[in-house]
Amino acid sequence: MTWRVFLTDTTQPDLDALTPADRAVITEELFAWVPDGPPRTSGQAVAGVQLYEDQLPSGISVTYFVDEHVPYVGVIRIQRR
């Protein structure tokens, strides 16, 4: 199965706040989700939608939702912690 990873419009301000190097790292780390999907280690239901928050190997956190049927990942938040 091949997963699609989308950055939603809500991630643009988060991306703008990161350095170009951090943006390049995020691209690589999220691309690693394409073959197997996201890790989904920390989930919480918000307004009827299951959201997940995971820390990437770089230390950057991403919040996202998934659709198993398509399959895709919609990233809604990116943060350097």
PDB file of N, CA and C in Angstrom:
ATOM      1  N   MET A   1       0.849  -1.170   0.000  1.00  0.00           N
ATOM      2  CA  MET A   1       0.000   0.000   0.000  1.00  0.00           C
ATOM      3  C   MET A   1       0.896   1.236   0.000  1.00  0.00           C
ATOM      4  N   THR A   2       0.504   2.228  -0.764  1.00  0.00           N
ATOM      5  CA  THR A   2       1.228   3.496  -0.804  1.00  0.00           C
ATOM      6  C   THR A   2       0.352   4.582  -0.199  1.00  0.00           C
ATOM      7  N   TRP A   3       0.908   5.289   0.779  1.00  0.00           N
ATOM      8  CA  TRP A   3       0.195   6.363   1.449  1.00  0.00           C
ATOM      9  C   TRP A   3       0.507   7.691   0.770  1.00  0.00           C
ATOM     10  N   ARG A   4      -0.472   8.581   0.762  1.00  0.00           N
ATOM     11  CA  ARG A   4      -0.274   9.954   0.299  1.00  0.00           C
ATOM     12  C   ARG A   4      -0.192  10.835   1.532  1.00  0.00           C
ATOM     13  N   VAL A   5       0.746  11.748   1.519  1.00  0.00           N
ATOM     14  CA  VAL A   5       0.921  12.663   2.648  1.00  0.00           C
ATOM     15  C   VAL A   5       0.694  14.078   2.131  1.00  0.00           C
ATOM     16  N   PHE A   6      -0.308  14.766   2.700  1.00  0.00           N
ATOM     17  CA  PHE A   6      -0.657  16.119   2.295  1.00  0.00           C
ATOM     18  C   PHE A   6      -0.403  17.091   3.440  1.00  0.00           C
ATOM     19  N   LEU A   7       0.146  18.229   3.116  1.00  0.00           N
ATOM     20  CA  LEU A   7       0.228  19.324   4.071  1.00  0.00           C
ATOM     21  C   LEU A   7      -0.976  20.210   3.810  1.00  0.00           C
ATOM     22  N   THR A   8      -1.841  20.358   4.806  1.00  0.00           N
ATOM     23  CA  THR A   8      -3.033  21.189   4.640  1.00  0.00           C
ATOM     24  C   THR A   8      -2.657  22.665   4.698  1.00  0.00           C
ATOM     25  N   ASP A   9      -3.583  23.523   4.314  1.00  0.00           N
ATOM     26  CA  ASP A   9      -3.335  24.970   4.326  1.00  0.00           C
ATOM     27  C   ASP A   9      -2.961  25.480   5.713  1.00  0.00           C
ATOM     28  N   THR A  10      -3.442  24.816   6.753  1.00  0.00           N
ATOM     29  CA  THR A  10      -3.151  25.277   8.116  1.00  0.00           C
ATOM     30  C   THR A  10      -1.681  25.117   8.485  1.00  0.00           C
ATOM     31  N   THR A  11      -0.920  24.345   7.723  1.00  0.00           N
ATOM     32  CA  THR A  11       0.499  24.163   8.039  1.00  0.00           C
ATOM     33  C   THR A  11       1.378  25.289   7.502  1.00  0.00           C
ATOM     34  N   GLN A  12       0.850  26.113   6.593  1.00  0.00           N
ATOM     35  CA  GLN A  12       1.699  27.132   5.970  1.00  0.00           C
ATOM     36  C   GLN A  12       2.352  28.084   6.976  1.00  0.00           C
ATOM     37  N   PRO A  13       1.615  28.653   7.946  1.00  0.00           N
ATOM     38  CA  PRO A  13       2.290  29.513   8.929  1.00  0.00           C
ATOM     39  C   PRO A  13       3.355  28.751   9.728  1.00  0.00           C
ATOM     40  N   ASP A  14       3.098  27.484  10.016  1.00  0.00           N
ATOM     41  CA  ASP A  14       4.082  26.679  10.743  1.00  0.00           C
ATOM     42  C   ASP A  14       5.342  26.488   9.904  1.00  0.00           C
ATOM     43  N   LEU A  15       5.171  26.200   8.631  1.00  0.00           N
ATOM     44  CA  LEU A  15       6.320  26.030   7.735  1.00  0.00           C
ATOM     45  C   LEU A  15       7.103  27.327   7.581  1.00  0.00           C
ATOM     46  N   ASP A  16       6.381  28.441   7.481  1.00  0.00           N
ATOM     47  CA  ASP A  16       7.034  29.743   7.331  1.00  0.00           C
ATOM     48  C   ASP A  16       7.920  30.074   8.529  1.00  0.00           C
ATOM     49  N   ALA A  17       7.565  29.563   9.703  1.00  0.00           N
ATOM     50  CA  ALA A  17       8.324  29.844  10.925  1.00  0.00           C
ATOM     51  C   ALA A  17       9.585  28.975  11.049  1.00  0.00           C
ATOM     52  N   LEU A  18       9.702  27.957  10.222  1.00  0.00           N
ATOM     53  CA  LEU A  18      10.859  27.057  10.289  1.00  0.00           C
ATOM     54  C   LEU A  18      11.972  27.518   9.356  1.00  0.00           C
ATOM     55  N   THR A  19      13.161  27.060   9.633  1.00  0.00           N
ATOM     56  CA  THR A  19      14.291  27.353   8.757  1.00  0.00           C
ATOM     57  C   THR A  19      14.172  26.512   7.482  1.00  0.00           C
ATOM     58  N   PRO A  20      14.823  26.925   6.421  1.00  0.00           N
ATOM     59  CA  PRO A  20      14.825  26.096   5.209  1.00  0.00           C
ATOM     60  C   PRO A  20      15.361  24.683   5.476  1.00  0.00           C
ATOM     61  N   ALA A  21      16.347  24.565   6.352  1.00  0.00           N
ATOM     62  CA  ALA A  21      16.890  23.238   6.681  1.00  0.00           C
ATOM     63  C   ALA A  21      15.833  22.370   7.362  1.00  0.00           C
ATOM     64  N   ASP A  22      15.064  22.964   8.291  1.00  0.00           N
ATOM     65  CA  ASP A  22      13.988  22.215   8.957  1.00  0.00           C
ATOM     66  C   ASP A  22      12.914  21.785   7.963  1.00  0.00           C
ATOM     67  N   ARG A  23      12.583  22.661   7.019  1.00  0.00           N
ATOM     68  CA  ARG A  23      11.579  22.301   6.010  1.00  0.00           C
ATOM     69  C   ARG A  23      12.067  21.132   5.154  1.00  0.00           C
ATOM     70  N   ALA A  24      13.342  21.125   4.830  1.00  0.00           N
ATOM     71  CA  ALA A  24      13.899  20.013   4.046  1.00  0.00           C
ATOM     72  C   ALA A  24      13.861  18.713   4.841  1.00  0.00           C
ATOM     73  N   VAL A  25      14.158  18.793   6.135  1.00  0.00           N
ATOM     74  CA  VAL A  25      14.132  17.602   6.988  1.00  0.00           C
ATOM     75  C   VAL A  25      12.701  17.059   7.095  1.00  0.00           C
ATOM     76  N   ILE A  26      11.734  17.942   7.268  1.00  0.00           N
ATOM     77  CA  ILE A  26      10.334  17.511   7.362  1.00  0.00           C
ATOM     78  C   ILE A  26       9.919  16.775   6.092  1.00  0.00           C
ATOM     79  N   THR A  27      10.304  17.317   4.956  1.00  0.00           N
ATOM     80  CA  THR A  27       9.968  16.667   3.689  1.00  0.00           C
ATOM     81  C   THR A  27      10.504  15.244   3.660  1.00  0.00           C
ATOM     82  N   GLU A  28      11.751  15.065   4.047  1.00  0.00           N
ATOM     83  CA  GLU A  28      12.348  13.724   4.062  1.00  0.00           C
ATOM     84  C   GLU A  28      11.647  12.803   5.056  1.00  0.00           C
ATOM     85  N   GLU A  29      11.384  13.308   6.249  1.00  0.00           N
ATOM     86  CA  GLU A  29      10.790  12.471   7.291  1.00  0.00           C
ATOM     87  C   GLU A  29       9.339  12.095   6.974  1.00  0.00           C
ATOM     88  N   LEU A  30       8.577  13.010   6.407  1.00  0.00           N
ATOM     89  CA  LEU A  30       7.207  12.687   6.031  1.00  0.00           C
ATOM     90  C   LEU A  30       7.171  11.764   4.807  1.00  0.00           C
ATOM     91  N   PHE A  31       8.127  11.926   3.905  1.00  0.00           N
ATOM     92  CA  PHE A  31       8.199  11.042   2.746  1.00  0.00           C
ATOM     93  C   PHE A  31       8.431   9.593   3.184  1.00  0.00           C
ATOM     94  N   ALA A  32       9.075   9.409   4.318  1.00  0.00           N
ATOM     95  CA  ALA A  32       9.313   8.058   4.847  1.00  0.00           C
ATOM     96  C   ALA A  32       7.999   7.369   5.233  1.00  0.00           C
ATOM     97  N   TRP A  33       6.919   8.111   5.399  1.00  0.00           N
ATOM     98  CA  TRP A  33       5.618   7.531   5.739  1.00  0.00           C
ATOM     99  C   TRP A  33       4.918   6.923   4.520  1.00  0.00           C
ATOM    100  N   VAL A  34       5.350   7.244   3.315  1.00  0.00           N
ATOM    101  CA  VAL A  34       4.658   6.809   2.102  1.00  0.00           C
ATOM    102  C   VAL A  34       4.500   5.289   2.018  1.00  0.00           C
ATOM    103  N   PRO A  35       5.534   4.487   2.290  1.00  0.00           N
ATOM    104  CA  PRO A  35       5.360   3.037   2.150  1.00  0.00           C
ATOM    105  C   PRO A  35       4.449   2.397   3.202  1.00  0.00           C
ATOM    106  N   ASP A  36       4.552   2.831   4.455  1.00  0.00           N
ATOM    107  CA  ASP A  36       3.859   2.137   5.544  1.00  0.00           C
ATOM    108  C   ASP A  36       2.832   2.971   6.293  1.00  0.00           C
ATOM    109  N   GLY A  37       2.739   4.245   6.013  1.00  0.00           N
ATOM    110  CA  GLY A  37       1.819   5.121   6.731  1.00  0.00           C
ATOM    111  C   GLY A  37       2.461   5.712   7.963  1.00  0.00           C
ATOM    112  N   PRO A  38       1.743   6.587   8.639  1.00  0.00           N
ATOM    113  CA  PRO A  38       2.281   7.267   9.820  1.00  0.00           C
ATOM    114  C   PRO A  38       2.278   6.349  11.042  1.00  0.00           C
ATOM    115  N   PRO A  39       3.050   6.707  12.056  1.00  0.00           N
ATOM    116  CA  PRO A  39       3.142   5.853  13.249  1.00  0.00           C
ATOM    117  C   PRO A  39       1.884   5.830  14.118  1.00  0.00           C
ATOM    118  N   ARG A  40       1.147   6.920  14.176  1.00  0.00           N
ATOM    119  CA  ARG A  40      -0.089   7.017  14.978  1.00  0.00           C
ATOM    120  C   ARG A  40       0.125   6.580  16.436  1.00  0.00           C
ATOM    121  N   THR A  41       1.136   7.121  17.080  1.00  0.00           N
ATOM    122  CA  THR A  41       1.436   6.709  18.450  1.00  0.00           C
ATOM    123  C   THR A  41       0.631   7.451  19.504  1.00  0.00           C
ATOM    124  N   SER A  42       0.236   8.668  19.239  1.00  0.00           N
ATOM    125  CA  SER A  42      -0.490   9.437  20.244  1.00  0.00           C
ATOM    126  C   SER A  42      -1.743  10.024  19.608  1.00  0.00           C
ATOM    127  N   GLY A  43      -2.910   9.429  19.904  1.00  0.00           N
ATOM    128  CA  GLY A  43      -4.143   9.871  19.273  1.00  0.00           C
ATOM    129  C   GLY A  43      -5.143  10.445  20.252  1.00  0.00           C
ATOM    130  N   GLN A  44      -6.028  11.293  19.707  1.00  0.00           N
ATOM    131  CA  GLN A  44      -7.075  11.915  20.505  1.00  0.00           C
ATOM    132  C   GLN A  44      -8.211  12.316  19.568  1.00  0.00           C
ATOM    133  N   ALA A  45      -9.438  12.050  19.957  1.00  0.00           N
ATOM    134  CA  ALA A  45     -10.594  12.455  19.158  1.00  0.00           C
ATOM    135  C   ALA A  45     -10.916  13.919  19.453  1.00  0.00           C
ATOM    136  N   VAL A  46     -11.043  14.704  18.382  1.00  0.00           N
ATOM    137  CA  VAL A  46     -11.392  16.117  18.495  1.00  0.00           C
ATOM    138  C   VAL A  46     -12.510  16.392  17.497  1.00  0.00           C
ATOM    139  N   ALA A  47     -13.649  16.805  18.009  1.00  0.00           N
ATOM    140  CA  ALA A  47     -14.815  17.119  17.164  1.00  0.00           C
ATOM    141  C   ALA A  47     -15.142  15.969  16.223  1.00  0.00           C
ATOM    142  N   GLY A  48     -15.047  14.756  16.717  1.00  0.00           N
ATOM    143  CA  GLY A  48     -15.400  13.585  15.931  1.00  0.00           C
ATOM    144  C   GLY A  48     -14.336  13.096  14.969  1.00  0.00           C
ATOM    145  N   VAL A  49     -13.164  13.727  14.976  1.00  0.00           N
ATOM    146  CA  VAL A  49     -12.064  13.335  14.094  1.00  0.00           C
ATOM    147  C   VAL A  49     -10.912  12.836  14.953  1.00  0.00           C
ATOM    148  N   GLN A  50     -10.350  11.701  14.582  1.00  0.00           N
ATOM    149  CA  GLN A  50      -9.191  11.171  15.304  1.00  0.00           C
ATOM    150  C   GLN A  50      -7.946  11.898  14.818  1.00  0.00           C
ATOM    151  N   LEU A  51      -7.317  12.642  15.723  1.00  0.00           N
ATOM    152  CA  LEU A  51      -6.064  13.336  15.421  1.00  0.00           C
ATOM    153  C   LEU A  51      -4.925  12.616  16.111  1.00  0.00           C
ATOM    154  N   TYR A  52      -3.783  12.650  15.485  1.00  0.00           N
ATOM    155  CA  TYR A  52      -2.579  12.043  16.038  1.00  0.00           C
ATOM    156  C   TYR A  52      -1.495  13.092  16.112  1.00  0.00           C
ATOM    157  N   GLU A  53      -0.638  12.962  17.108  1.00  0.00           N
ATOM    158  CA  GLU A  53       0.526  13.840  17.216  1.00  0.00           C
ATOM    159  C   GLU A  53       1.735  12.961  17.465  1.00  0.00           C
ATOM    160  N   ASP A  54       2.713  13.107  16.602  1.00  0.00           N
ATOM    161  CA  ASP A  54       3.945  12.336  16.732  1.00  0.00           C
ATOM    162  C   ASP A  54       5.139  13.244  16.554  1.00  0.00           C
ATOM    163  N   GLN A  55       6.204  12.868  17.218  1.00  0.00           N
ATOM    164  CA  GLN A  55       7.456  13.587  17.068  1.00  0.00           C
ATOM    165  C   GLN A  55       8.305  12.857  16.035  1.00  0.00           C
ATOM    166  N   LEU A  56       8.764  13.614  15.044  1.00  0.00           N
ATOM    167  CA  LEU A  56       9.619  13.053  14.014  1.00  0.00           C
ATOM    168  C   LEU A  56      11.034  12.874  14.572  1.00  0.00           C
ATOM    169  N   PRO A  57      11.876  12.091  13.927  1.00  0.00           N
ATOM    170  CA  PRO A  57      13.245  11.901  14.420  1.00  0.00           C
ATOM    171  C   PRO A  57      14.017  13.213  14.603  1.00  0.00           C
ATOM    172  N   SER A  58      13.674  14.236  13.841  1.00  0.00           N
ATOM    173  CA  SER A  58      14.348  15.535  13.941  1.00  0.00           C
ATOM    174  C   SER A  58      13.946  16.312  15.188  1.00  0.00           C
ATOM    175  N   GLY A  59      12.900  15.853  15.888  1.00  0.00           N
ATOM    176  CA  GLY A  59      12.392  16.581  17.047  1.00  0.00           C
ATOM    177  C   GLY A  59      11.221  17.479  16.713  1.00  0.00           C
ATOM    178  N   ILE A  60      10.853  17.556  15.459  1.00  0.00           N
ATOM    179  CA  ILE A  60       9.705  18.347  15.037  1.00  0.00           C
ATOM    180  C   ILE A  60       8.444  17.512  15.235  1.00  0.00           C
ATOM    181  N   SER A  61       7.407  18.128  15.817  1.00  0.00           N
ATOM    182  CA  SER A  61       6.143  17.436  16.060  1.00  0.00           C
ATOM    183  C   SER A  61       5.154  17.747  14.947  1.00  0.00           C
ATOM    184  N   VAL A  62       4.379  16.747  14.565  1.00  0.00           N
ATOM    185  CA  VAL A  62       3.334  16.937  13.567  1.00  0.00           C
ATOM    186  C   VAL A  62       2.016  16.420  14.113  1.00  0.00           C
ATOM    187  N   THR A  63       0.955  17.143  13.824  1.00  0.00           N
ATOM    188  CA  THR A  63      -0.402  16.720  14.160  1.00  0.00           C
ATOM    189  C   THR A  63      -1.096  16.432  12.840  1.00  0.00           C
ATOM    190  N   TYR A  64      -1.823  15.309  12.791  1.00  0.00           N
ATOM    191  CA  TYR A  64      -2.381  14.886  11.511  1.00  0.00           C
ATOM    192  C   TYR A  64      -3.596  13.984  11.720  1.00  0.00           C
ATOM    193  N   PHE A  65      -4.329  13.761  10.630  1.00  0.00           N
ATOM    194  CA  PHE A  65      -5.426  12.803  10.609  1.00  0.00           C
ATOM    195  C   PHE A  65      -5.149  11.829   9.467  1.00  0.00           C
ATOM    196  N   VAL A  66      -5.808  10.689   9.500  1.00  0.00           N
ATOM    197  CA  VAL A  66      -5.607   9.690   8.447  1.00  0.00           C
ATOM    198  C   VAL A  66      -6.945   9.232   7.880  1.00  0.00           C
ATOM    199  N   ASP A  67      -6.902   8.774   6.672  1.00  0.00           N
ATOM    200  CA  ASP A  67      -8.034   8.099   6.049  1.00  0.00           C
ATOM    201  C   ASP A  67      -7.497   6.772   5.526  1.00  0.00           C
ATOM    202  N   GLU A  68      -7.878   5.705   6.188  1.00  0.00           N
ATOM    203  CA  GLU A  68      -7.387   4.364   5.848  1.00  0.00           C
ATOM    204  C   GLU A  68      -7.869   3.900   4.476  1.00  0.00           C
ATOM    205  N   HIS A  69      -9.021   4.375   4.027  1.00  0.00           N
ATOM    206  CA  HIS A  69      -9.610   3.878   2.791  1.00  0.00           C
ATOM    207  C   HIS A  69      -8.914   4.403   1.551  1.00  0.00           C
ATOM    208  N   VAL A  70      -8.339   5.598   1.614  1.00  0.00           N
ATOM    209  CA  VAL A  70      -7.779   6.201   0.409  1.00  0.00           C
ATOM    210  C   VAL A  70      -6.376   5.687   0.078  1.00  0.00           C
ATOM    211  N   PRO A  71      -5.441   5.448   0.860  1.00  0.00           N
ATOM    212  CA  PRO A  71      -5.076   5.940   2.189  1.00  0.00           C
ATOM    213  C   PRO A  71      -4.264   7.247   2.100  1.00  0.00           C
ATOM    214  N   TYR A  72      -4.552   8.163   3.021  1.00  0.00           N
ATOM    215  CA  TYR A  72      -3.786   9.399   3.049  1.00  0.00           C
ATOM    216  C   TYR A  72      -3.645   9.932   4.459  1.00  0.00           C
ATOM    217  N   VAL A  73      -2.672  10.821   4.591  1.00  0.00           N
ATOM    218  CA  VAL A  73      -2.371  11.519   5.836  1.00  0.00           C
ATOM    219  C   VAL A  73      -2.532  13.002   5.550  1.00  0.00           C
ATOM    220  N   GLY A  74      -3.313  13.707   6.375  1.00  0.00           N
ATOM    221  CA  GLY A  74      -3.454  15.149   6.262  1.00  0.00           C
ATOM    222  C   GLY A  74      -2.778  15.815   7.449  1.00  0.00           C
ATOM    223  N   VAL A  75      -1.649  16.454   7.201  1.00  0.00           N
ATOM    224  CA  VAL A  75      -0.908  17.132   8.276  1.00  0.00           C
ATOM    225  C   VAL A  75      -1.551  18.491   8.512  1.00  0.00           C
ATOM    226  N   ILE A  76      -1.897  18.769   9.780  1.00  0.00           N
ATOM    227  CA  ILE A  76      -2.561  20.038  10.091  1.00  0.00           C
ATOM    228  C   ILE A  76      -1.738  20.972  10.966  1.00  0.00           C
ATOM    229  N   ARG A  77      -0.669  20.451  11.560  1.00  0.00           N
ATOM    230  CA  ARG A  77       0.162  21.299  12.440  1.00  0.00           C
ATOM    231  C   ARG A  77       1.585  20.771  12.451  1.00  0.00           C
ATOM    232  N   ILE A  78       2.545  21.688  12.416  1.00  0.00           N
ATOM    233  CA  ILE A  78       3.966  21.350  12.473  1.00  0.00           C
ATOM    234  C   ILE A  78       4.592  22.274  13.507  1.00  0.00           C
ATOM    235  N   GLN A  79       5.326  21.688  14.461  1.00  0.00           N
ATOM    236  CA  GLN A  79       5.932  22.512  15.513  1.00  0.00           C
ATOM    237  C   GLN A  79       7.330  22.018  15.850  1.00  0.00           C
ATOM    238  N   ARG A  80       8.235  22.962  16.024  1.00  0.00           N
ATOM    239  CA  ARG A  80       9.548  22.639  16.576  1.00  0.00           C
ATOM    240  C   ARG A  80       9.426  22.829  18.065  1.00  0.00           C
ATOM    241  N   ARG A  81       9.676  21.781  18.851  1.00  0.00           N
ATOM    242  CA  ARG A  81       9.511  21.880  20.317  1.00  0.00           C
ATOM    243  C   ARG A  81      10.820  21.958  21.014  1.00  0.00           C
TER     244      ARG A  81
END
